[in-house]
Amino acid sequence: MKLSPVNLMHLAPRCTAKSKRSGFQCKAPAVRGKKVCRMHGARGGAPCGSLHGRYVHGKQTRKAIEARRETRDLIQKALQLLASIEI
């Protein structure tokens, strides 16, 4: 007996998302390789960086934030070193 694609969908794992209001689990089939369905964000999200539609200047990108964090850590270490050298 050959199963049609509609019948195969019934055998698919279910979405693990739960409703905030009722607490019931979503009964839609999960996207292949994911734990949630397409309505709950399995393939969602915008591209990163300059490919994003609201990208303006890059000040809040992950790379810029990490660079500022590293700079701040270096400055703090330098100030601690200067404080330990002074008599």
PDB file of N, CA and C in Angstrom:
ATOM      1  N   MET A   1       0.844  -1.182   0.000  1.00  0.00           N
ATOM      2  CA  MET A   1       0.000   0.000   0.000  1.00  0.00           C
ATOM      3  C   MET A   1       0.886   1.240   0.000  1.00  0.00           C
ATOM      4  N   LYS A   2       0.737   2.085  -1.015  1.00  0.00           N
ATOM      5  CA  LYS A   2       1.537   3.299  -1.134  1.00  0.00           C
ATOM      6  C   LYS A   2       0.835   4.444  -0.411  1.00  0.00           C
ATOM      7  N   LEU A   3       1.618   5.156   0.422  1.00  0.00           N
ATOM      8  CA  LEU A   3       1.055   6.276   1.167  1.00  0.00           C
ATOM      9  C   LEU A   3       1.148   7.556   0.342  1.00  0.00           C
ATOM     10  N   SER A   4       0.094   8.317   0.315  1.00  0.00           N
ATOM     11  CA  SER A   4       0.107   9.595  -0.390  1.00  0.00           C
ATOM     12  C   SER A   4       0.809  10.637   0.476  1.00  0.00           C
ATOM     13  N   PRO A   5       1.264  11.762  -0.123  1.00  0.00           N
ATOM     14  CA  PRO A   5       1.936  12.806   0.673  1.00  0.00           C
ATOM     15  C   PRO A   5       1.076  13.342   1.814  1.00  0.00           C
ATOM     16  N   VAL A   6      -0.229  13.362   1.631  1.00  0.00           N
ATOM     17  CA  VAL A   6      -1.117  13.834   2.690  1.00  0.00           C
ATOM     18  C   VAL A   6      -1.058  12.878   3.877  1.00  0.00           C
ATOM     19  N   ASN A   7      -1.041  11.578   3.611  1.00  0.00           N
ATOM     20  CA  ASN A   7      -0.953  10.598   4.695  1.00  0.00           C
ATOM     21  C   ASN A   7       0.414  10.642   5.373  1.00  0.00           C
ATOM     22  N   LEU A   8       1.484  10.923   4.610  1.00  0.00           N
ATOM     23  CA  LEU A   8       2.816  11.018   5.209  1.00  0.00           C
ATOM     24  C   LEU A   8       2.906  12.200   6.169  1.00  0.00           C
ATOM     25  N   MET A   9       2.163  13.269   5.875  1.00  0.00           N
ATOM     26  CA  MET A   9       2.174  14.429   6.759  1.00  0.00           C
ATOM     27  C   MET A   9       1.604  14.079   8.132  1.00  0.00           C
ATOM     28  N   HIS A  10       0.664  13.160   8.164  1.00  0.00           N
ATOM     29  CA  HIS A  10       0.085  12.760   9.440  1.00  0.00           C
ATOM     30  C   HIS A  10       1.087  11.991  10.300  1.00  0.00           C
ATOM     31  N   LEU A  11       2.089  11.399   9.665  1.00  0.00           N
ATOM     32  CA  LEU A  11       3.104  10.648  10.399  1.00  0.00           C
ATOM     33  C   LEU A  11       4.261  11.531  10.868  1.00  0.00           C
ATOM     34  N   ALA A  12       4.303  12.779  10.417  1.00  0.00           N
ATOM     35  CA  ALA A  12       5.404  13.690  10.752  1.00  0.00           C
ATOM     36  C   ALA A  12       5.375  14.040  12.236  1.00  0.00           C
ATOM     37  N   PRO A  13       6.547  14.346  12.826  1.00  0.00           N
ATOM     38  CA  PRO A  13       6.566  14.806  14.217  1.00  0.00           C
ATOM     39  C   PRO A  13       5.830  16.126  14.347  1.00  0.00           C
ATOM     40  N   ARG A  14       5.261  16.356  15.493  1.00  0.00           N
ATOM     41  CA  ARG A  14       4.438  17.545  15.726  1.00  0.00           C
ATOM     42  C   ARG A  14       5.257  18.688  16.293  1.00  0.00           C
ATOM     43  N   CYS A  15       4.775  19.895  16.104  1.00  0.00           N
ATOM     44  CA  CYS A  15       5.399  21.112  16.606  1.00  0.00           C
ATOM     45  C   CYS A  15       5.378  21.095  18.136  1.00  0.00           C
ATOM     46  N   THR A  16       6.470  21.546  18.753  1.00  0.00           N
ATOM     47  CA  THR A  16       6.556  21.523  20.220  1.00  0.00           C
ATOM     48  C   THR A  16       6.143  22.848  20.855  1.00  0.00           C
ATOM     49  N   ALA A  17       5.728  23.828  20.041  1.00  0.00           N
ATOM     50  CA  ALA A  17       5.308  25.128  20.581  1.00  0.00           C
ATOM     51  C   ALA A  17       3.991  24.975  21.335  1.00  0.00           C
ATOM     52  N   LYS A  18       3.850  25.772  22.401  1.00  0.00           N
ATOM     53  CA  LYS A  18       2.625  25.731  23.196  1.00  0.00           C
ATOM     54  C   LYS A  18       1.981  27.108  23.227  1.00  0.00           C
ATOM     55  N   SER A  19       0.675  27.124  23.326  1.00  0.00           N
ATOM     56  CA  SER A  19      -0.076  28.365  23.386  1.00  0.00           C
ATOM     57  C   SER A  19       0.065  28.991  24.762  1.00  0.00           C
ATOM     58  N   LYS A  20       0.263  30.324  24.791  1.00  0.00           N
ATOM     59  CA  LYS A  20       0.331  31.017  26.079  1.00  0.00           C
ATOM     60  C   LYS A  20      -1.031  31.036  26.747  1.00  0.00           C
ATOM     61  N   ARG A  21      -2.050  31.128  25.935  1.00  0.00           N
ATOM     62  CA  ARG A  21      -3.392  31.284  26.477  1.00  0.00           C
ATOM     63  C   ARG A  21      -3.974  29.967  26.987  1.00  0.00           C
ATOM     64  N   SER A  22      -3.954  28.933  26.152  1.00  0.00           N
ATOM     65  CA  SER A  22      -4.597  27.676  26.538  1.00  0.00           C
ATOM     66  C   SER A  22      -3.628  26.660  27.132  1.00  0.00           C
ATOM     67  N   GLY A  23      -2.343  26.763  26.781  1.00  0.00           N
ATOM     68  CA  GLY A  23      -1.360  25.803  27.268  1.00  0.00           C
ATOM     69  C   GLY A  23      -1.280  24.540  26.431  1.00  0.00           C
ATOM     70  N   PHE A  24      -2.099  24.447  25.373  1.00  0.00           N
ATOM     71  CA  PHE A  24      -2.091  23.265  24.520  1.00  0.00           C
ATOM     72  C   PHE A  24      -0.949  23.348  23.509  1.00  0.00           C
ATOM     73  N   GLN A  25      -0.444  22.185  23.124  1.00  0.00           N
ATOM     74  CA  GLN A  25       0.623  22.114  22.140  1.00  0.00           C
ATOM     75  C   GLN A  25       0.062  22.312  20.735  1.00  0.00           C
ATOM     76  N   CYS A  26       0.837  22.961  19.872  1.00  0.00           N
ATOM     77  CA  CYS A  26       0.455  23.145  18.475  1.00  0.00           C
ATOM     78  C   CYS A  26       0.427  21.763  17.812  1.00  0.00           C
ATOM     79  N   LYS A  27      -0.546  21.525  16.987  1.00  0.00           N
ATOM     80  CA  LYS A  27      -0.683  20.205  16.372  1.00  0.00           C
ATOM     81  C   LYS A  27      -0.229  20.180  14.917  1.00  0.00           C
ATOM     82  N   ALA A  28       0.384  21.260  14.438  1.00  0.00           N
ATOM     83  CA  ALA A  28       0.864  21.305  13.063  1.00  0.00           C
ATOM     84  C   ALA A  28       2.120  20.439  12.926  1.00  0.00           C
ATOM     85  N   PRO A  29       2.373  19.902  11.733  1.00  0.00           N
ATOM     86  CA  PRO A  29       3.597  19.120  11.549  1.00  0.00           C
ATOM     87  C   PRO A  29       4.838  20.006  11.617  1.00  0.00           C
ATOM     88  N   ALA A  30       5.886  19.530  12.276  1.00  0.00           N
ATOM     89  CA  ALA A  30       7.130  20.289  12.399  1.00  0.00           C
ATOM     90  C   ALA A  30       7.871  20.260  11.069  1.00  0.00           C
ATOM     91  N   VAL A  31       8.652  21.297  10.805  1.00  0.00           N
ATOM     92  CA  VAL A  31       9.475  21.356   9.608  1.00  0.00           C
ATOM     93  C   VAL A  31      10.571  20.311   9.751  1.00  0.00           C
ATOM     94  N   ARG A  32      10.935  19.675   8.655  1.00  0.00           N
ATOM     95  CA  ARG A  32      11.940  18.612   8.684  1.00  0.00           C
ATOM     96  C   ARG A  32      13.249  19.136   9.270  1.00  0.00           C
ATOM     97  N   GLY A  33      13.742  18.488  10.304  1.00  0.00           N
ATOM     98  CA  GLY A  33      14.978  18.879  10.961  1.00  0.00           C
ATOM     99  C   GLY A  33      14.807  19.922  12.053  1.00  0.00           C
ATOM    100  N   LYS A  34      13.592  20.402  12.284  1.00  0.00           N
ATOM    101  CA  LYS A  34      13.332  21.406  13.315  1.00  0.00           C
ATOM    102  C   LYS A  34      12.335  20.842  14.322  1.00  0.00           C
ATOM    103  N   LYS A  35      12.148  21.557  15.430  1.00  0.00           N
ATOM    104  CA  LYS A  35      11.192  21.111  16.440  1.00  0.00           C
ATOM    105  C   LYS A  35       9.873  21.851  16.370  1.00  0.00           C
ATOM    106  N   VAL A  36       9.819  22.917  15.545  1.00  0.00           N
ATOM    107  CA  VAL A  36       8.605  23.714  15.454  1.00  0.00           C
ATOM    108  C   VAL A  36       8.118  23.789  14.009  1.00  0.00           C
ATOM    109  N   CYS A  37       6.864  24.207  13.869  1.00  0.00           N
ATOM    110  CA  CYS A  37       6.261  24.314  12.539  1.00  0.00           C
ATOM    111  C   CYS A  37       6.641  25.643  11.894  1.00  0.00           C
ATOM    112  N   ARG A  38       6.218  25.842  10.657  1.00  0.00           N
ATOM    113  CA  ARG A  38       6.561  27.066   9.940  1.00  0.00           C
ATOM    114  C   ARG A  38       5.916  28.291  10.557  1.00  0.00           C
ATOM    115  N   MET A  39       4.757  28.129  11.220  1.00  0.00           N
ATOM    116  CA  MET A  39       4.094  29.272  11.836  1.00  0.00           C
ATOM    117  C   MET A  39       4.802  29.722  13.119  1.00  0.00           C
ATOM    118  N   HIS A  40       5.562  28.835  13.731  1.00  0.00           N
ATOM    119  CA  HIS A  40       6.224  29.156  14.995  1.00  0.00           C
ATOM    120  C   HIS A  40       7.714  29.414  14.838  1.00  0.00           C
ATOM    121  N   GLY A  41       8.173  29.712  13.626  1.00  0.00           N
ATOM    122  CA  GLY A  41       9.526  30.213  13.442  1.00  0.00           C
ATOM    123  C   GLY A  41      10.576  29.245  12.976  1.00  0.00           C
ATOM    124  N   ALA A  42      10.218  28.153  12.340  1.00  0.00           N
ATOM    125  CA  ALA A  42      11.233  27.199  11.910  1.00  0.00           C
ATOM    126  C   ALA A  42      12.139  27.777  10.839  1.00  0.00           C
ATOM    127  N   ARG A  43      11.618  28.594   9.966  1.00  0.00           N
ATOM    128  CA  ARG A  43      12.438  29.171   8.896  1.00  0.00           C
ATOM    129  C   ARG A  43      12.444  30.686   8.971  1.00  0.00           C
ATOM    130  N   GLY A  44      12.088  31.231  10.100  1.00  0.00           N
ATOM    131  CA  GLY A  44      11.968  32.675  10.225  1.00  0.00           C
ATOM    132  C   GLY A  44      13.289  33.359  10.461  1.00  0.00           C
ATOM    133  N   GLY A  45      13.215  34.660  10.547  1.00  0.00           N
ATOM    134  CA  GLY A  45      14.389  35.461  10.833  1.00  0.00           C
ATOM    135  C   GLY A  45      14.861  36.218   9.617  1.00  0.00           C
ATOM    136  N   ALA A  46      15.428  37.362   9.867  1.00  0.00           N
ATOM    137  CA  ALA A  46      15.937  38.207   8.796  1.00  0.00           C
ATOM    138  C   ALA A  46      17.426  37.943   8.621  1.00  0.00           C
ATOM    139  N   PRO A  47      17.977  38.284   7.456  1.00  0.00           N
ATOM    140  CA  PRO A  47      19.413  38.113   7.247  1.00  0.00           C
ATOM    141  C   PRO A  47      20.212  39.062   8.144  1.00  0.00           C
ATOM    142  N   CYS A  48      21.435  38.702   8.443  1.00  0.00           N
ATOM    143  CA  CYS A  48      22.290  39.509   9.317  1.00  0.00           C
ATOM    144  C   CYS A  48      23.055  40.542   8.513  1.00  0.00           C
ATOM    145  N   GLY A  49      23.427  41.617   9.172  1.00  0.00           N
ATOM    146  CA  GLY A  49      24.303  42.620   8.591  1.00  0.00           C
ATOM    147  C   GLY A  49      23.644  43.485   7.547  1.00  0.00           C
ATOM    148  N   SER A  50      24.422  43.851   6.530  1.00  0.00           N
ATOM    149  CA  SER A  50      23.944  44.788   5.522  1.00  0.00           C
ATOM    150  C   SER A  50      22.860  44.199   4.635  1.00  0.00           C
ATOM    151  N   LEU A  51      22.625  42.910   4.697  1.00  0.00           N
ATOM    152  CA  LEU A  51      21.549  42.289   3.923  1.00  0.00           C
ATOM    153  C   LEU A  51      20.184  42.527   4.564  1.00  0.00           C
ATOM    154  N   HIS A  52      20.171  42.917   5.843  1.00  0.00           N
ATOM    155  CA  HIS A  52      18.919  43.169   6.546  1.00  0.00           C
ATOM    156  C   HIS A  52      18.283  44.441   6.018  1.00  0.00           C
ATOM    157  N   GLY A  53      16.974  44.479   5.922  1.00  0.00           N
ATOM    158  CA  GLY A  53      16.264  45.618   5.366  1.00  0.00           C
ATOM    159  C   GLY A  53      16.391  46.891   6.176  1.00  0.00           C
ATOM    160  N   ARG A  54      16.600  46.796   7.493  1.00  0.00           N
ATOM    161  CA  ARG A  54      16.685  47.989   8.342  1.00  0.00           C
ATOM    162  C   ARG A  54      18.127  48.322   8.729  1.00  0.00           C
ATOM    163  N   TYR A  55      19.097  47.739   8.049  1.00  0.00           N
ATOM    164  CA  TYR A  55      20.511  48.028   8.327  1.00  0.00           C
ATOM    165  C   TYR A  55      20.811  49.471   7.952  1.00  0.00           C
ATOM    166  N   VAL A  56      21.421  50.249   8.866  1.00  0.00           N
ATOM    167  CA  VAL A  56      21.701  51.647   8.596  1.00  0.00           C
ATOM    168  C   VAL A  56      23.204  51.919   8.613  1.00  0.00           C
ATOM    169  N   HIS A  57      23.865  51.660   9.750  1.00  0.00           N
ATOM    170  CA  HIS A  57      25.257  52.069   9.876  1.00  0.00           C
ATOM    171  C   HIS A  57      26.170  50.998  10.463  1.00  0.00           C
ATOM    172  N   GLY A  58      25.655  49.971  11.063  1.00  0.00           N
ATOM    173  CA  GLY A  58      26.494  48.904  11.590  1.00  0.00           C
ATOM    174  C   GLY A  58      26.980  49.098  13.005  1.00  0.00           C
ATOM    175  N   LYS A  59      26.524  50.140  13.701  1.00  0.00           N
ATOM    176  CA  LYS A  59      26.979  50.410  15.060  1.00  0.00           C
ATOM    177  C   LYS A  59      26.537  49.324  16.031  1.00  0.00           C
ATOM    178  N   GLN A  60      25.401  48.714  15.787  1.00  0.00           N
ATOM    179  CA  GLN A  60      24.878  47.705  16.706  1.00  0.00           C
ATOM    180  C   GLN A  60      25.009  46.280  16.160  1.00  0.00           C
ATOM    181  N   THR A  61      25.904  46.049  15.210  1.00  0.00           N
ATOM    182  CA  THR A  61      26.115  44.697  14.709  1.00  0.00           C
ATOM    183  C   THR A  61      26.901  43.890  15.744  1.00  0.00           C
ATOM    184  N   ARG A  62      26.858  42.598  15.613  1.00  0.00           N
ATOM    185  CA  ARG A  62      27.567  41.739  16.569  1.00  0.00           C
ATOM    186  C   ARG A  62      29.062  42.014  16.566  1.00  0.00           C
ATOM    187  N   LYS A  63      29.620  42.229  15.376  1.00  0.00           N
ATOM    188  CA  LYS A  63      31.060  42.496  15.287  1.00  0.00           C
ATOM    189  C   LYS A  63      31.421  43.805  15.976  1.00  0.00           C
ATOM    190  N   ALA A  64      30.620  44.843  15.775  1.00  0.00           N
ATOM    191  CA  ALA A  64      30.906  46.140  16.391  1.00  0.00           C
ATOM    192  C   ALA A  64      30.780  46.065  17.908  1.00  0.00           C
ATOM    193  N   ILE A  65      29.758  45.381  18.396  1.00  0.00           N
ATOM    194  CA  ILE A  65      29.564  45.232  19.843  1.00  0.00           C
ATOM    195  C   ILE A  65      30.725  44.461  20.452  1.00  0.00           C
ATOM    196  N   GLU A  66      31.159  43.392  19.781  1.00  0.00           N
ATOM    197  CA  GLU A  66      32.276  42.591  20.285  1.00  0.00           C
ATOM    198  C   GLU A  66      33.574  43.418  20.283  1.00  0.00           C
ATOM    199  N   ALA A  67      33.782  44.220  19.252  1.00  0.00           N
ATOM    200  CA  ALA A  67      34.982  45.065  19.196  1.00  0.00           C
ATOM    201  C   ALA A  67      34.986  46.077  20.339  1.00  0.00           C
ATOM    202  N   ARG A  68      33.836  46.695  20.619  1.00  0.00           N
ATOM    203  CA  ARG A  68      33.754  47.636  21.746  1.00  0.00           C
ATOM    204  C   ARG A  68      33.994  46.928  23.075  1.00  0.00           C
ATOM    205  N   ARG A  69      33.478  45.732  23.212  1.00  0.00           N
ATOM    206  CA  ARG A  69      33.668  44.972  24.450  1.00  0.00           C
ATOM    207  C   ARG A  69      35.147  44.648  24.664  1.00  0.00           C
ATOM    208  N   GLU A  70      35.834  44.217  23.599  1.00  0.00           N
ATOM    209  CA  GLU A  70      37.259  43.911  23.711  1.00  0.00           C
ATOM    210  C   GLU A  70      38.067  45.163  24.044  1.00  0.00           C
ATOM    211  N   THR A  71      37.716  46.285  23.418  1.00  0.00           N
ATOM    212  CA  THR A  71      38.407  47.547  23.699  1.00  0.00           C
ATOM    213  C   THR A  71      38.208  47.957  25.148  1.00  0.00           C
ATOM    214  N   ARG A  72      36.983  47.844  25.648  1.00  0.00           N
ATOM    215  CA  ARG A  72      36.698  48.195  27.040  1.00  0.00           C
ATOM    216  C   ARG A  72      37.493  47.312  27.995  1.00  0.00           C
ATOM    217  N   ASP A  73      37.589  46.010  27.695  1.00  0.00           N
ATOM    218  CA  ASP A  73      38.357  45.107  28.548  1.00  0.00           C
ATOM    219  C   ASP A  73      39.841  45.472  28.555  1.00  0.00           C
ATOM    220  N   LEU A  74      40.375  45.835  27.382  1.00  0.00           N
ATOM    221  CA  LEU A  74      41.787  46.241  27.320  1.00  0.00           C
ATOM    222  C   LEU A  74      42.032  47.513  28.124  1.00  0.00           C
ATOM    223  N   ILE A  75      41.130  48.468  28.040  1.00  0.00           N
ATOM    224  CA  ILE A  75      41.274  49.712  28.796  1.00  0.00           C
ATOM    225  C   ILE A  75      41.221  49.432  30.295  1.00  0.00           C
ATOM    226  N   GLN A  76      40.300  48.576  30.731  1.00  0.00           N
ATOM    227  CA  GLN A  76      40.204  48.237  32.153  1.00  0.00           C
ATOM    228  C   GLN A  76      41.472  47.550  32.648  1.00  0.00           C
ATOM    229  N   LYS A  77      42.031  46.653  31.836  1.00  0.00           N
ATOM    230  CA  LYS A  77      43.273  45.975  32.226  1.00  0.00           C
ATOM    231  C   LYS A  77      44.426  46.970  32.305  1.00  0.00           C
ATOM    232  N   ALA A  78      44.477  47.913  31.360  1.00  0.00           N
ATOM    233  CA  ALA A  78      45.534  48.922  31.388  1.00  0.00           C
ATOM    234  C   ALA A  78      45.413  49.814  32.619  1.00  0.00           C
ATOM    235  N   LEU A  79      44.196  50.213  32.959  1.00  0.00           N
ATOM    236  CA  LEU A  79      43.997  51.045  34.151  1.00  0.00           C
ATOM    237  C   LEU A  79      44.368  50.281  35.420  1.00  0.00           C
ATOM    238  N   GLN A  80      44.049  49.000  35.486  1.00  0.00           N
ATOM    239  CA  GLN A  80      44.436  48.197  36.649  1.00  0.00           C
ATOM    240  C   GLN A  80      45.950  48.077  36.752  1.00  0.00           C
ATOM    241  N   LEU A  81      46.625  47.923  35.608  1.00  0.00           N
ATOM    242  CA  LEU A  81      48.065  47.818  35.593  1.00  0.00           C
ATOM    243  C   LEU A  81      48.690  49.130  36.046  1.00  0.00           C
ATOM    244  N   LEU A  82      48.162  50.258  35.576  1.00  0.00           N
ATOM    245  CA  LEU A  82      48.670  51.554  36.004  1.00  0.00           C
ATOM    246  C   LEU A  82      48.446  51.771  37.502  1.00  0.00           C
ATOM    247  N   ALA A  83      47.297  51.345  38.005  1.00  0.00           N
ATOM    248  CA  ALA A  83      47.012  51.493  39.430  1.00  0.00           C
ATOM    249  C   ALA A  83      47.945  50.649  40.276  1.00  0.00           C
ATOM    250  N   SER A  84      48.321  49.489  39.791  1.00  0.00           N
ATOM    251  CA  SER A  84      49.231  48.623  40.561  1.00  0.00           C
ATOM    252  C   SER A  84      50.675  49.126  40.502  1.00  0.00           C
ATOM    253  N   ILE A  85      51.038  49.869  39.442  1.00  0.00           N
ATOM    254  CA  ILE A  85      52.400  50.393  39.303  1.00  0.00           C
ATOM    255  C   ILE A  85      52.614  51.615  40.188  1.00  0.00           C
ATOM    256  N   GLU A  86      51.593  52.483  40.305  1.00  0.00           N
ATOM    257  CA  GLU A  86      51.738  53.706  41.105  1.00  0.00           C
ATOM    258  C   GLU A  86      51.974  53.365  42.572  1.00  0.00           C
ATOM    259  N   ILE A  87      52.824  54.197  43.197  1.00  0.00           N
ATOM    260  CA  ILE A  87      53.179  53.965  44.596  1.00  0.00           C
ATOM    261  C   ILE A  87      52.541  55.016  45.470  1.00  0.00           C
TER     262      ILE A  87
END
